[in-house]
């Protein structure tokens, strides 16, 4: 059983019509580019600020966790000190009731050991408290940075939203027009157009011949090639930059719809 083809069939149209469609698509694409230029670096700046804020928030959570861990460690060490003091009192009381020197010496060593445990715990407490102090300072600095970045983000987002709001309807209209034009351009040509646009510094894939030169790279075009372009019998690209070239007469008939 024959399978129904899902490919879109494009009826063959004159090259002149293809060139008109491509040039009109270029005009629309250039208008969209202007809107993007109007937004400038704002979208990237907003993204960078959002990434920075996310990083600061992670740092703040880590600082808080470190401070909490240090606090728990200090509490544990203080409990160790109290326990050691209690043992020292217990061993001193036992020393008063020993039966021989051996028991007395054993208890004396235990008292000495618990004294060393107290010194070690006190040293660790000082280290933890110092680390806690540093982390608290770093936390305060990070929170201050976060507050500043959030204010910056608010301003940048407001600026971007304002520009987007002002240009939204125009951009939507242009994108709709571009979609209609693309649907009527055969895939091979459309793919070539997009590839050239992507590689072109100014986004121009279709250019006119201006003063006997390519309107994209400004290299001179030989008279015979200019004649071929004016004849509109085939799609001709610049041998220097690869852009599609059209004559000014064809270009003069095309305008971007508002």
Protein backbone atom coordinates (compact mmCIF):
# COMPACT_ATOMS: atom_id res chain seq x y z
CA UNK A 1 0.00 0.00 0.00
CA UNK A 2 1.37 3.40 -0.93
CA UNK A 3 2.40 5.62 1.94
CA UNK A 4 1.23 9.23 1.84
CA UNK A 5 4.18 11.62 1.63
CA UNK A 6 4.54 14.09 4.50
CA UNK A 7 6.93 16.36 2.61
CA UNK A 8 5.69 19.81 1.59
CA UNK A 9 5.69 20.15 -2.17
CA UNK A 10 6.91 23.51 -3.54
CA UNK A 11 5.76 24.37 -7.00
CA UNK A 12 8.48 25.74 -9.20
CA UNK A 13 8.37 29.54 -9.28
CA UNK A 14 10.47 32.00 -11.29
CA UNK A 15 13.88 32.85 -9.83
CA UNK A 16 12.82 36.48 -9.64
CA UNK A 17 10.03 35.55 -7.23
CA UNK A 18 12.46 33.52 -5.15
CA UNK A 19 14.83 36.47 -4.95
CA UNK A 20 12.00 38.81 -3.96
CA UNK A 21 10.90 36.43 -1.19
CA UNK A 22 14.47 36.08 0.11
CA UNK A 23 15.08 39.82 0.05
CA UNK A 24 11.79 40.51 1.83
CA UNK A 25 12.68 37.90 4.45
CA UNK A 26 16.03 39.66 4.88
CA UNK A 27 14.28 42.99 5.46
CA UNK A 28 12.06 41.45 8.12
CA UNK A 29 15.01 39.66 9.77
CA UNK A 30 16.97 42.92 9.83
CA UNK A 31 14.10 44.70 11.58
CA UNK A 32 14.03 41.95 14.22
CA UNK A 33 17.81 42.36 14.59
CA UNK A 34 17.29 46.09 15.24
CA UNK A 35 14.92 45.26 18.10
CA UNK A 36 17.53 42.89 19.57
CA UNK A 37 20.16 45.61 19.25
CA UNK A 38 17.81 47.99 21.07
CA UNK A 39 17.77 45.56 23.98
CA UNK A 40 21.54 45.54 23.80
CA UNK A 41 23.34 43.50 26.43
CA UNK A 42 20.43 43.66 28.89
CA UNK A 43 19.30 40.03 28.47
CA UNK A 44 22.87 38.81 29.07
CA UNK A 45 23.31 41.19 32.01
CA UNK A 46 20.06 39.92 33.55
CA UNK A 47 21.19 36.30 33.08
CA UNK A 48 24.63 37.04 34.58
CA UNK A 49 23.03 38.72 37.60
CA UNK A 50 20.63 35.81 38.09
CA UNK A 51 23.56 33.37 37.97
CA UNK A 52 25.56 35.52 40.40
CA UNK A 53 22.61 35.74 42.79
CA UNK A 54 22.15 31.96 42.68
CA UNK A 55 25.85 31.54 43.49
CA UNK A 56 25.64 34.01 46.39
CA UNK A 57 22.58 32.25 47.78
CA UNK A 58 24.45 28.95 47.73
CA UNK A 59 27.45 30.55 49.47
CA UNK A 60 25.18 32.06 52.12
CA UNK A 61 23.56 28.69 52.81
CA UNK A 62 27.02 27.10 53.09
CA UNK A 63 28.19 29.83 55.49
CA UNK A 64 25.10 29.33 57.65
CA UNK A 65 25.68 25.58 57.69
CA UNK A 66 29.34 26.09 58.69
CA UNK A 67 28.37 28.52 61.46
CA UNK A 68 25.76 26.11 62.77
CA UNK A 69 28.25 23.23 62.67
CA UNK A 70 30.83 25.33 64.57
CA UNK A 71 28.19 26.26 67.14
CA UNK A 72 27.28 22.59 67.65
CA UNK A 73 30.96 21.73 67.96
CA UNK A 74 31.45 24.42 70.64
CA UNK A 75 28.46 23.06 72.59
CA UNK A 76 29.89 19.53 72.37
CA UNK A 77 33.31 20.68 73.57
CA UNK A 78 31.76 22.61 76.49
CA UNK A 79 29.86 19.49 77.47
CA UNK A 80 33.14 17.54 77.31
CA UNK A 81 34.72 20.10 79.67
CA UNK A 82 31.87 19.81 82.17
CA UNK A 83 32.10 16.03 82.01
CA UNK A 84 35.88 16.15 82.54
CA UNK A 85 35.47 18.50 85.53
CA UNK A 86 32.93 16.16 87.06
CA UNK A 87 35.30 13.23 86.65
CA UNK A 88 38.14 15.19 88.23
CA UNK A 89 35.96 15.92 91.30
CA UNK A 90 34.97 12.26 91.44
CA UNK A 91 38.58 11.04 91.25
CA UNK A 92 39.71 13.56 93.90
CA UNK A 93 37.01 12.27 96.24
CA UNK A 94 38.13 8.69 95.55
CA UNK A 95 41.72 9.63 96.34
CA UNK A 96 40.64 10.38 99.92
CA UNK A 97 39.56 6.77 100.34
CA UNK A 98 42.28 4.82 98.54
CA UNK A 99 43.81 1.76 100.19
CA UNK A 100 47.28 2.00 98.67
CA UNK A 101 49.68 4.16 96.64
CA UNK A 102 48.94 2.23 93.45
CA UNK A 103 45.28 3.28 93.52
CA UNK A 104 46.29 6.84 94.39
CA UNK A 105 48.73 7.05 91.44
CA UNK A 106 46.13 5.60 89.08
CA UNK A 107 43.57 8.24 90.10
CA UNK A 108 46.21 10.98 89.83
CA UNK A 109 46.89 9.95 86.21
CA UNK A 110 43.17 9.99 85.47
CA UNK A 111 42.90 13.49 86.97
CA UNK A 112 45.88 14.61 84.86
CA UNK A 113 44.35 13.04 81.72
CA UNK A 114 41.01 14.79 82.29
CA UNK A 115 42.91 18.06 82.80
CA UNK A 116 44.55 17.59 79.40
CA UNK A 117 41.14 16.83 77.91
CA UNK A 118 39.87 20.15 79.28
CA UNK A 119 42.84 22.02 77.79
CA UNK A 120 42.32 20.32 74.42
CA UNK A 121 38.57 21.12 74.44
CA UNK A 122 39.24 24.76 75.38
CA UNK A 123 41.75 25.03 72.52
CA UNK A 124 39.20 23.58 70.08
CA UNK A 125 36.53 25.95 71.35
CA UNK A 126 38.78 28.94 70.66
CA UNK A 127 39.51 27.61 67.14
CA UNK A 128 35.81 27.02 66.44
CA UNK A 129 34.82 30.43 67.79
CA UNK A 130 37.46 32.13 65.63
CA UNK A 131 36.31 30.19 62.55
CA UNK A 132 32.72 31.06 63.44
CA UNK A 133 33.65 34.74 63.67
CA UNK A 134 35.27 34.65 60.20
CA UNK A 135 32.31 32.79 58.69
CA UNK A 136 29.91 35.30 60.27
CA UNK A 137 31.84 38.17 58.68
CA UNK A 138 31.87 36.39 55.32
CA UNK A 139 28.14 35.72 55.68
CA UNK A 140 27.45 39.40 56.35
CA UNK A 141 29.53 40.41 53.29
CA UNK A 142 27.77 37.84 51.08
CA UNK A 143 24.34 38.98 52.29
CA UNK A 144 25.29 42.59 51.56
CA UNK A 145 26.49 41.59 48.06
CA UNK A 146 23.28 39.64 47.53
CA UNK A 147 21.18 42.65 48.47
CA UNK A 148 23.11 44.84 46.02
CA UNK A 149 22.89 42.28 43.21
CA UNK A 150 19.16 41.88 43.77
CA UNK A 151 18.71 45.64 43.50
CA UNK A 152 20.78 45.67 40.29
CA UNK A 153 18.71 42.80 38.91
CA UNK A 154 15.49 44.63 39.72
CA UNK A 155 16.70 47.69 37.78
CA UNK A 156 17.96 45.68 34.80
CA UNK A 157 14.79 43.60 34.64
CA UNK A 158 12.69 46.73 34.78
CA UNK A 159 14.67 48.26 31.90
CA UNK A 160 14.43 45.05 29.87
CA UNK A 161 10.70 44.60 30.56
CA UNK A 162 10.08 48.19 29.48
CA UNK A 163 11.92 47.69 26.18
CA UNK A 164 10.23 44.33 25.58
CA UNK A 165 6.84 45.88 26.34
CA UNK A 166 7.47 48.71 23.87
CA UNK A 167 8.62 46.39 21.07
CA UNK A 168 6.57 43.25 21.76
CA UNK A 169 3.74 43.87 19.30
CA UNK A 170 6.16 44.98 16.58
CA UNK A 171 8.40 41.94 17.10
CA UNK A 172 5.45 39.52 17.15
CA UNK A 173 4.15 41.02 13.90
CA UNK A 174 7.57 40.73 12.28
CA UNK A 175 8.04 37.14 13.45
CA UNK A 176 4.61 36.21 12.08
CA UNK A 177 5.51 37.78 8.75
CA UNK A 178 8.87 35.97 8.74
CA UNK A 179 7.14 32.65 9.44
CA UNK A 180 4.76 33.17 6.49
CA UNK A 181 7.66 34.06 4.21
CA UNK A 182 9.69 31.06 5.35
CA UNK A 183 6.76 28.73 4.63
CA UNK A 184 6.83 29.88 1.03
CA UNK A 185 10.57 29.48 0.46
CA UNK A 186 11.85 26.09 -0.55
CA UNK A 187 13.83 24.35 2.24
CA UNK A 188 17.14 24.33 0.35
CA UNK A 189 17.11 28.09 -0.17
CA UNK A 190 15.83 28.78 3.32
CA UNK A 191 18.60 26.65 4.86
CA UNK A 192 21.20 28.50 2.76
CA UNK A 193 19.72 31.86 3.80
CA UNK A 194 19.89 30.96 7.51
CA UNK A 195 23.40 29.59 7.21
CA UNK A 196 24.67 32.73 5.50
CA UNK A 197 22.91 34.95 8.05
CA UNK A 198 24.44 33.03 10.92
CA UNK A 199 27.96 33.44 9.53
CA UNK A 200 27.55 37.08 8.46
CA UNK A 201 28.83 39.68 10.92
CA UNK A 202 25.86 41.98 10.39
CA UNK A 203 23.25 39.28 9.77
CA UNK A 204 22.90 40.16 6.08
CA UNK A 205 22.36 37.11 3.88
CA UNK A 206 20.81 39.01 0.95
CA UNK A 207 22.39 42.27 -0.24
CA UNK A 208 22.09 44.64 -3.18
CA UNK A 209 24.79 45.66 -5.61
CA UNK A 210 25.85 49.17 -4.62
CA UNK A 211 28.21 51.24 -6.79
CA UNK A 212 29.31 48.15 -8.71
CA UNK A 213 30.19 46.37 -5.45
CA UNK A 214 28.69 43.77 -3.14
CA UNK A 215 26.57 45.47 -0.49
CA UNK A 216 27.90 43.06 2.13
CA UNK A 217 31.67 42.97 1.70
CA UNK A 218 32.07 45.92 -0.75
CA UNK A 219 34.23 43.97 -3.18
CA UNK A 220 33.86 44.98 -6.84
CA UNK A 221 31.49 42.91 -8.97
CA UNK A 222 32.49 42.35 -12.65
CA UNK A 223 30.13 43.97 -15.22
CA UNK A 224 29.02 40.60 -16.68
CA UNK A 225 28.12 39.30 -13.21
CA UNK A 226 26.16 42.50 -12.54
CA UNK A 227 24.26 41.91 -15.75
CA UNK A 228 23.47 38.34 -14.66
CA UNK A 229 22.18 39.69 -11.35
CA UNK A 230 19.92 42.20 -13.12
CA UNK A 231 18.57 39.45 -15.38
CA UNK A 232 17.23 37.62 -12.27
CA UNK A 233 17.49 34.24 -13.99
CA UNK A 234 19.43 32.50 -11.23
CA UNK A 235 20.44 32.92 -7.61
CA UNK A 236 23.91 34.45 -7.59
CA UNK A 237 26.18 34.69 -4.54
CA UNK A 238 29.17 36.95 -3.98
CA UNK A 239 32.37 35.07 -4.73
CA UNK A 240 34.08 36.87 -1.82
CA UNK A 241 31.60 36.72 1.07
CA UNK A 242 29.01 34.20 -0.14
CA UNK A 243 26.01 36.50 0.30
CA UNK A 244 23.06 36.28 -2.08
CA UNK A 245 23.01 39.34 -4.34
CA UNK A 246 20.03 41.16 -5.88
CA UNK A 247 19.86 44.24 -8.04
CA UNK A 248 18.71 47.57 -6.64
CA UNK A 249 15.67 47.57 -8.93
CA UNK A 250 14.27 44.44 -7.30
CA UNK A 251 15.20 45.68 -3.83
CA UNK A 252 13.46 49.01 -4.43
CA UNK A 253 10.12 47.23 -4.81
CA UNK A 254 10.31 45.57 -1.39
CA UNK A 255 9.39 47.16 1.92
CA UNK A 256 8.91 45.75 5.36
CA UNK A 257 5.26 45.65 6.29
CA UNK A 258 4.44 47.58 9.41
